[in-house]
Amino acid sequence: TERWYIATMIGSKIIDKLLVGKSETIETKDGTIDNYINFKIEKDFEIILEYSEGKGVDSQKIEKKENFKINLENLKIKHL
């Protein structure tokens, strides 16, 4: 199973990480439904995640959004 993380690093050392999702394919009587996580990283280090699902990329429907911020003093990831 794939797992997706947001991580902060210095060189090759992981400072902080946060599990944000995992790969899942849902089987239904009408076919499969895939899960997606789209993300943006803003200039102020705010991270916006959009969780969606659909039968392919073109049919994605956003189910929820989450916002995170990286603290630049300690590089920890904070859920907003």
PDB file of N, CA and C in Angstrom:
ATOM      1  N   THR A   1       0.834  -1.173   0.000  1.00  0.00           N
ATOM      2  CA  THR A   1       0.000   0.000   0.000  1.00  0.00           C
ATOM      3  C   THR A   1       0.880   1.239   0.000  1.00  0.00           C
ATOM      4  N   GLU A   2       0.584   2.164  -0.906  1.00  0.00           N
ATOM      5  CA  GLU A   2       1.308   3.432  -0.920  1.00  0.00           C
ATOM      6  C   GLU A   2       0.806   4.314   0.211  1.00  0.00           C
ATOM      7  N   ARG A   3       1.719   5.078   0.795  1.00  0.00           N
ATOM      8  CA  ARG A   3       1.360   6.064   1.808  1.00  0.00           C
ATOM      9  C   ARG A   3       1.993   7.381   1.393  1.00  0.00           C
ATOM     10  N   TRP A   4       1.254   8.489   1.594  1.00  0.00           N
ATOM     11  CA  TRP A   4       1.745   9.797   1.193  1.00  0.00           C
ATOM     12  C   TRP A   4       1.953  10.662   2.417  1.00  0.00           C
ATOM     13  N   TYR A   5       3.107  11.309   2.468  1.00  0.00           N
ATOM     14  CA  TYR A   5       3.491  12.142   3.604  1.00  0.00           C
ATOM     15  C   TYR A   5       3.836  13.553   3.147  1.00  0.00           C
ATOM     16  N   ILE A   6       3.642  14.515   4.033  1.00  0.00           N
ATOM     17  CA  ILE A   6       4.271  15.824   3.932  1.00  0.00           C
ATOM     18  C   ILE A   6       5.472  15.727   4.864  1.00  0.00           C
ATOM     19  N   ALA A   7       6.627  16.173   4.403  1.00  0.00           N
ATOM     20  CA  ALA A   7       7.828  16.080   5.238  1.00  0.00           C
ATOM     21  C   ALA A   7       8.657  17.346   5.118  1.00  0.00           C
ATOM     22  N   THR A   8       9.320  17.693   6.212  1.00  0.00           N
ATOM     23  CA  THR A   8      10.325  18.751   6.174  1.00  0.00           C
ATOM     24  C   THR A   8      11.674  18.079   6.403  1.00  0.00           C
ATOM     25  N   MET A   9      12.677  18.562   5.658  1.00  0.00           N
ATOM     26  CA  MET A   9      13.995  17.930   5.705  1.00  0.00           C
ATOM     27  C   MET A   9      15.090  18.984   5.685  1.00  0.00           C
ATOM     28  N   ILE A  10      16.201  18.646   6.271  1.00  0.00           N
ATOM     29  CA  ILE A  10      17.440  19.397   6.109  1.00  0.00           C
ATOM     30  C   ILE A  10      18.450  18.384   5.587  1.00  0.00           C
ATOM     31  N   GLY A  11      18.928  18.608   4.365  1.00  0.00           N
ATOM     32  CA  GLY A  11      19.786  17.616   3.725  1.00  0.00           C
ATOM     33  C   GLY A  11      19.003  16.330   3.563  1.00  0.00           C
ATOM     34  N   SER A  12      19.532  15.238   4.077  1.00  0.00           N
ATOM     35  CA  SER A  12      18.827  13.955   3.995  1.00  0.00           C
ATOM     36  C   SER A  12      18.155  13.582   5.320  1.00  0.00           C
ATOM     37  N   LYS A  13      18.164  14.498   6.307  1.00  0.00           N
ATOM     38  CA  LYS A  13      17.571  14.224   7.615  1.00  0.00           C
ATOM     39  C   LYS A  13      16.121  14.710   7.645  1.00  0.00           C
ATOM     40  N   ILE A  14      15.204  13.802   8.004  1.00  0.00           N
ATOM     41  CA  ILE A  14      13.796  14.162   8.150  1.00  0.00           C
ATOM     42  C   ILE A  14      13.608  14.853   9.493  1.00  0.00           C
ATOM     43  N   ILE A  15      13.072  16.081   9.455  1.00  0.00           N
ATOM     44  CA  ILE A  15      12.813  16.841  10.672  1.00  0.00           C
ATOM     45  C   ILE A  15      11.419  16.529  11.202  1.00  0.00           C
ATOM     46  N   ASP A  16      10.433  16.488  10.307  1.00  0.00           N
ATOM     47  CA  ASP A  16       9.058  16.196  10.695  1.00  0.00           C
ATOM     48  C   ASP A  16       8.356  15.556   9.502  1.00  0.00           C
ATOM     49  N   LYS A  17       7.359  14.711   9.783  1.00  0.00           N
ATOM     50  CA  LYS A  17       6.552  14.142   8.706  1.00  0.00           C
ATOM     51  C   LYS A  17       5.146  13.918   9.207  1.00  0.00           C
ATOM     52  N   LEU A  18       4.198  13.972   8.267  1.00  0.00           N
ATOM     53  CA  LEU A  18       2.797  13.828   8.591  1.00  0.00           C
ATOM     54  C   LEU A  18       2.135  12.993   7.513  1.00  0.00           C
ATOM     55  N   LEU A  19       1.524  11.879   7.898  1.00  0.00           N
ATOM     56  CA  LEU A  19       0.790  11.035   6.955  1.00  0.00           C
ATOM     57  C   LEU A  19      -0.463  11.772   6.513  1.00  0.00           C
ATOM     58  N   VAL A  20      -0.620  11.965   5.195  1.00  0.00           N
ATOM     59  CA  VAL A  20      -1.784  12.688   4.683  1.00  0.00           C
ATOM     60  C   VAL A  20      -2.708  11.806   3.855  1.00  0.00           C
ATOM     61  N   GLY A  21      -2.287  10.602   3.507  1.00  0.00           N
ATOM     62  CA  GLY A  21      -3.163   9.728   2.739  1.00  0.00           C
ATOM     63  C   GLY A  21      -2.494   8.438   2.356  1.00  0.00           C
ATOM     64  N   LYS A  22      -3.282   7.549   1.781  1.00  0.00           N
ATOM     65  CA  LYS A  22      -2.766   6.283   1.277  1.00  0.00           C
ATOM     66  C   LYS A  22      -3.566   5.903   0.046  1.00  0.00           C
ATOM     67  N   SER A  23      -2.978   5.077  -0.782  1.00  0.00           N
ATOM     68  CA  SER A  23      -3.665   4.697  -2.022  1.00  0.00           C
ATOM     69  C   SER A  23      -4.787   3.721  -1.700  1.00  0.00           C
ATOM     70  N   GLU A  24      -5.920   3.987  -2.299  1.00  0.00           N
ATOM     71  CA  GLU A  24      -7.073   3.105  -2.159  1.00  0.00           C
ATOM     72  C   GLU A  24      -7.852   3.134  -3.461  1.00  0.00           C
ATOM     73  N   THR A  25      -8.288   2.000  -3.903  1.00  0.00           N
ATOM     74  CA  THR A  25      -9.205   1.922  -5.029  1.00  0.00           C
ATOM     75  C   THR A  25     -10.439   1.202  -4.524  1.00  0.00           C
ATOM     76  N   ILE A  26     -11.587   1.841  -4.659  1.00  0.00           N
ATOM     77  CA  ILE A  26     -12.838   1.284  -4.163  1.00  0.00           C
ATOM     78  C   ILE A  26     -13.549   0.594  -5.319  1.00  0.00           C
ATOM     79  N   GLU A  27     -13.848  -0.672  -5.139  1.00  0.00           N
ATOM     80  CA  GLU A  27     -14.568  -1.437  -6.160  1.00  0.00           C
ATOM     81  C   GLU A  27     -16.071  -1.290  -5.913  1.00  0.00           C
ATOM     82  N   THR A  28     -16.796  -0.912  -6.945  1.00  0.00           N
ATOM     83  CA  THR A  28     -18.255  -0.830  -6.859  1.00  0.00           C
ATOM     84  C   THR A  28     -18.855  -1.670  -7.981  1.00  0.00           C
ATOM     85  N   LYS A  29     -20.155  -1.827  -7.961  1.00  0.00           N
ATOM     86  CA  LYS A  29     -20.798  -2.603  -9.030  1.00  0.00           C
ATOM     87  C   LYS A  29     -20.691  -1.902 -10.374  1.00  0.00           C
ATOM     88  N   ASP A  30     -20.437  -0.589 -10.365  1.00  0.00           N
ATOM     89  CA  ASP A  30     -20.305   0.174 -11.602  1.00  0.00           C
ATOM     90  C   ASP A  30     -18.851   0.398 -12.016  1.00  0.00           C
ATOM     91  N   GLY A  31     -17.910  -0.247 -11.356  1.00  0.00           N
ATOM     92  CA  GLY A  31     -16.486  -0.069 -11.676  1.00  0.00           C
ATOM     93  C   GLY A  31     -15.705   0.369 -10.459  1.00  0.00           C
ATOM     94  N   THR A  32     -14.589   1.017 -10.698  1.00  0.00           N
ATOM     95  CA  THR A  32     -13.736   1.439  -9.596  1.00  0.00           C
ATOM     96  C   THR A  32     -13.830   2.946  -9.381  1.00  0.00           C
ATOM     97  N   ILE A  33     -13.578   3.345  -8.138  1.00  0.00           N
ATOM     98  CA  ILE A  33     -13.493   4.762  -7.784  1.00  0.00           C
ATOM     99  C   ILE A  33     -12.113   4.970  -7.178  1.00  0.00           C
ATOM    100  N   ASP A  34     -11.366   5.932  -7.726  1.00  0.00           N
ATOM    101  CA  ASP A  34     -10.018   6.212  -7.249  1.00  0.00           C
ATOM    102  C   ASP A  34     -10.021   7.416  -6.327  1.00  0.00           C
ATOM    103  N   ASN A  35      -9.078   7.432  -5.386  1.00  0.00           N
ATOM    104  CA  ASN A  35      -8.892   8.556  -4.483  1.00  0.00           C
ATOM    105  C   ASN A  35      -7.698   9.376  -4.936  1.00  0.00           C
ATOM    106  N   TYR A  36      -7.782  10.694  -4.777  1.00  0.00           N
ATOM    107  CA  TYR A  36      -6.719  11.611  -5.182  1.00  0.00           C
ATOM    108  C   TYR A  36      -6.432  12.593  -4.055  1.00  0.00           C
ATOM    109  N   ILE A  37      -5.193  13.074  -4.003  1.00  0.00           N
ATOM    110  CA  ILE A  37      -4.823  14.180  -3.130  1.00  0.00           C
ATOM    111  C   ILE A  37      -4.080  15.187  -4.000  1.00  0.00           C
ATOM    112  N   ASN A  38      -4.673  16.363  -4.190  1.00  0.00           N
ATOM    113  CA  ASN A  38      -4.016  17.452  -4.894  1.00  0.00           C
ATOM    114  C   ASN A  38      -3.502  18.422  -3.841  1.00  0.00           C
ATOM    115  N   PHE A  39      -2.350  19.038  -4.107  1.00  0.00           N
ATOM    116  CA  PHE A  39      -1.809  19.949  -3.103  1.00  0.00           C
ATOM    117  C   PHE A  39      -1.208  21.189  -3.735  1.00  0.00           C
ATOM    118  N   LYS A  40      -1.174  22.244  -2.925  1.00  0.00           N
ATOM    119  CA  LYS A  40      -0.523  23.495  -3.285  1.00  0.00           C
ATOM    120  C   LYS A  40       0.355  23.895  -2.105  1.00  0.00           C
ATOM    121  N   ILE A  41       1.503  24.466  -2.392  1.00  0.00           N
ATOM    122  CA  ILE A  41       2.342  25.043  -1.357  1.00  0.00           C
ATOM    123  C   ILE A  41       2.467  26.527  -1.669  1.00  0.00           C
ATOM    124  N   GLU A  42       1.944  27.344  -0.771  1.00  0.00           N
ATOM    125  CA  GLU A  42       1.935  28.789  -0.969  1.00  0.00           C
ATOM    126  C   GLU A  42       3.289  29.389  -0.582  1.00  0.00           C
ATOM    127  N   LYS A  43       3.512  30.642  -0.961  1.00  0.00           N
ATOM    128  CA  LYS A  43       4.777  31.323  -0.667  1.00  0.00           C
ATOM    129  C   LYS A  43       5.057  31.431   0.827  1.00  0.00           C
ATOM    130  N   ASP A  44       3.991  31.495   1.647  1.00  0.00           N
ATOM    131  CA  ASP A  44       4.168  31.605   3.102  1.00  0.00           C
ATOM    132  C   ASP A  44       4.260  30.234   3.775  1.00  0.00           C
ATOM    133  N   PHE A  45       4.487  29.193   2.987  1.00  0.00           N
ATOM    134  CA  PHE A  45       4.627  27.798   3.443  1.00  0.00           C
ATOM    135  C   PHE A  45       3.345  27.219   4.022  1.00  0.00           C
ATOM    136  N   GLU A  46       2.205  27.765   3.584  1.00  0.00           N
ATOM    137  CA  GLU A  46       0.937  27.119   3.894  1.00  0.00           C
ATOM    138  C   GLU A  46       0.721  26.039   2.842  1.00  0.00           C
ATOM    139  N   ILE A  47       0.289  24.870   3.290  1.00  0.00           N
ATOM    140  CA  ILE A  47       0.052  23.728   2.406  1.00  0.00           C
ATOM    141  C   ILE A  47      -1.449  23.465   2.384  1.00  0.00           C
ATOM    142  N   ILE A  48      -2.008  23.389   1.186  1.00  0.00           N
ATOM    143  CA  ILE A  48      -3.435  23.143   1.016  1.00  0.00           C
ATOM    144  C   ILE A  48      -3.603  21.793   0.322  1.00  0.00           C
ATOM    145  N   LEU A  49      -4.299  20.875   0.978  1.00  0.00           N
ATOM    146  CA  LEU A  49      -4.572  19.552   0.413  1.00  0.00           C
ATOM    147  C   LEU A  49      -6.042  19.458   0.052  1.00  0.00           C
ATOM    148  N   GLU A  50      -6.332  18.940  -1.136  1.00  0.00           N
ATOM    149  CA  GLU A  50      -7.698  18.686  -1.565  1.00  0.00           C
ATOM    150  C   GLU A  50      -7.847  17.183  -1.797  1.00  0.00           C
ATOM    151  N   TYR A  51      -8.715  16.562  -1.016  1.00  0.00           N
ATOM    152  CA  TYR A  51      -8.982  15.139  -1.139  1.00  0.00           C
ATOM    153  C   TYR A  51     -10.192  14.958  -2.037  1.00  0.00           C
ATOM    154  N   SER A  52     -10.055  14.147  -3.081  1.00  0.00           N
ATOM    155  CA  SER A  52     -11.158  13.932  -4.010  1.00  0.00           C
ATOM    156  C   SER A  52     -11.210  12.474  -4.433  1.00  0.00           C
ATOM    157  N   GLU A  53     -12.307  12.130  -5.070  1.00  0.00           N
ATOM    158  CA  GLU A  53     -12.444  10.779  -5.619  1.00  0.00           C
ATOM    159  C   GLU A  53     -13.208  10.858  -6.925  1.00  0.00           C
ATOM    160  N   GLY A  54     -13.086   9.815  -7.719  1.00  0.00           N
ATOM    161  CA  GLY A  54     -13.786   9.773  -8.991  1.00  0.00           C
ATOM    162  C   GLY A  54     -13.353   8.587  -9.820  1.00  0.00           C
ATOM    163  N   LYS A  55     -14.010   8.418 -10.949  1.00  0.00           N
ATOM    164  CA  LYS A  55     -13.667   7.348 -11.891  1.00  0.00           C
ATOM    165  C   LYS A  55     -12.710   7.919 -12.926  1.00  0.00           C
ATOM    166  N   GLY A  56     -11.505   8.228 -12.511  1.00  0.00           N
ATOM    167  CA  GLY A  56     -10.504   8.844 -13.381  1.00  0.00           C
ATOM    168  C   GLY A  56     -10.283  10.299 -13.009  1.00  0.00           C
ATOM    169  N   VAL A  57      -9.174  10.839 -13.463  1.00  0.00           N
ATOM    170  CA  VAL A  57      -8.754  12.194 -13.109  1.00  0.00           C
ATOM    171  C   VAL A  57      -9.789  13.239 -13.513  1.00  0.00           C
ATOM    172  N   ASP A  58     -10.419  13.060 -14.677  1.00  0.00           N
ATOM    173  CA  ASP A  58     -11.350  14.065 -15.187  1.00  0.00           C
ATOM    174  C   ASP A  58     -12.684  14.103 -14.446  1.00  0.00           C
ATOM    175  N   SER A  59     -12.967  13.109 -13.628  1.00  0.00           N
ATOM    176  CA  SER A  59     -14.244  13.092 -12.908  1.00  0.00           C
ATOM    177  C   SER A  59     -14.063  13.288 -11.398  1.00  0.00           C
ATOM    178  N   GLN A  60     -12.942  13.877 -10.992  1.00  0.00           N
ATOM    179  CA  GLN A  60     -12.684  14.079  -9.565  1.00  0.00           C
ATOM    180  C   GLN A  60     -13.728  14.996  -8.941  1.00  0.00           C
ATOM    181  N   LYS A  61     -14.147  14.648  -7.732  1.00  0.00           N
ATOM    182  CA  LYS A  61     -15.047  15.485  -6.942  1.00  0.00           C
ATOM    183  C   LYS A  61     -14.384  15.696  -5.584  1.00  0.00           C
ATOM    184  N   ILE A  62     -14.151  16.968  -5.223  1.00  0.00           N
ATOM    185  CA  ILE A  62     -13.482  17.277  -3.960  1.00  0.00           C
ATOM    186  C   ILE A  62     -14.396  16.913  -2.798  1.00  0.00           C
ATOM    187  N   GLU A  63     -13.859  16.085  -1.889  1.00  0.00           N
ATOM    188  CA  GLU A  63     -14.610  15.644  -0.711  1.00  0.00           C
ATOM    189  C   GLU A  63     -14.282  16.493   0.510  1.00  0.00           C
ATOM    190  N   LYS A  64     -13.010  16.904   0.662  1.00  0.00           N
ATOM    191  CA  LYS A  64     -12.627  17.750   1.794  1.00  0.00           C
ATOM    192  C   LYS A  64     -11.313  18.449   1.494  1.00  0.00           C
ATOM    193  N   LYS A  65     -11.068  19.530   2.241  1.00  0.00           N
ATOM    194  CA  LYS A  65      -9.818  20.283   2.133  1.00  0.00           C
ATOM    195  C   LYS A  65      -9.200  20.371   3.517  1.00  0.00           C
ATOM    196  N   GLU A  66      -7.866  20.358   3.567  1.00  0.00           N
ATOM    197  CA  GLU A  66      -7.148  20.546   4.827  1.00  0.00           C
ATOM    198  C   GLU A  66      -6.007  21.520   4.586  1.00  0.00           C
ATOM    199  N   ASN A  67      -5.707  22.298   5.620  1.00  0.00           N
ATOM    200  CA  ASN A  67      -4.628  23.274   5.531  1.00  0.00           C
ATOM    201  C   ASN A  67      -3.591  22.991   6.614  1.00  0.00           C
ATOM    202  N   PHE A  68      -2.336  23.166   6.232  1.00  0.00           N
ATOM    203  CA  PHE A  68      -1.215  22.971   7.139  1.00  0.00           C
ATOM    204  C   PHE A  68      -0.272  24.155   6.964  1.00  0.00           C
ATOM    205  N   LYS A  69       0.585  24.358   7.941  1.00  0.00           N
ATOM    206  CA  LYS A  69       1.574  25.424   7.869  1.00  0.00           C
ATOM    207  C   LYS A  69       2.882  24.877   8.428  1.00  0.00           C
ATOM    208  N   ILE A  70       3.980  25.237   7.782  1.00  0.00           N
ATOM    209  CA  ILE A  70       5.299  24.839   8.276  1.00  0.00           C
ATOM    210  C   ILE A  70       5.836  25.963   9.149  1.00  0.00           C
ATOM    211  N   ASN A  71       6.168  25.642  10.405  1.00  0.00           N
ATOM    212  CA  ASN A  71       6.776  26.607  11.312  1.00  0.00           C
ATOM    213  C   ASN A  71       8.243  26.751  10.902  1.00  0.00           C
ATOM    214  N   LEU A  72       8.629  27.925  10.458  1.00  0.00           N
ATOM    215  CA  LEU A  72       9.980  28.120   9.937  1.00  0.00           C
ATOM    216  C   LEU A  72      11.055  28.128  11.024  1.00  0.00           C
ATOM    217  N   GLU A  73      10.665  28.249  12.298  1.00  0.00           N
ATOM    218  CA  GLU A  73      11.650  28.213  13.381  1.00  0.00           C
ATOM    219  C   GLU A  73      12.105  26.797  13.697  1.00  0.00           C
ATOM    220  N   ASN A  74      11.145  25.845  13.726  1.00  0.00           N
ATOM    221  CA  ASN A  74      11.515  24.469  14.096  1.00  0.00           C
ATOM    222  C   ASN A  74      11.223  23.447  12.997  1.00  0.00           C
ATOM    223  N   LEU A  75      10.674  23.906  11.853  1.00  0.00           N
ATOM    224  CA  LEU A  75      10.332  23.075  10.689  1.00  0.00           C
ATOM    225  C   LEU A  75       9.281  22.012  10.974  1.00  0.00           C
ATOM    226  N   LYS A  76       8.482  22.208  12.014  1.00  0.00           N
ATOM    227  CA  LYS A  76       7.382  21.286  12.331  1.00  0.00           C
ATOM    228  C   LYS A  76       6.165  21.645  11.498  1.00  0.00           C
ATOM    229  N   ILE A  77       5.365  20.648  11.171  1.00  0.00           N
ATOM    230  CA  ILE A  77       4.169  20.819  10.359  1.00  0.00           C
ATOM    231  C   ILE A  77       2.964  20.903  11.300  1.00  0.00           C
ATOM    232  N   LYS A  78       2.186  21.971  11.146  1.00  0.00           N
ATOM    233  CA  LYS A  78       1.039  22.209  12.026  1.00  0.00           C
ATOM    234  C   LYS A  78      -0.243  22.163  11.214  1.00  0.00           C
ATOM    235  N   HIS A  79      -1.237  21.430  11.696  1.00  0.00           N
ATOM    236  CA  HIS A  79      -2.570  21.373  11.084  1.00  0.00           C
ATOM    237  C   HIS A  79      -3.313  22.639  11.473  1.00  0.00           C
ATOM    238  N   LEU A  80      -3.882  23.333  10.503  1.00  0.00           N
ATOM    239  CA  LEU A  80      -4.614  24.582  10.805  1.00  0.00           C
ATOM    240  C   LEU A  80      -6.087  24.315  11.003  1.00  0.00           C
TER     241      LEU A  80
END
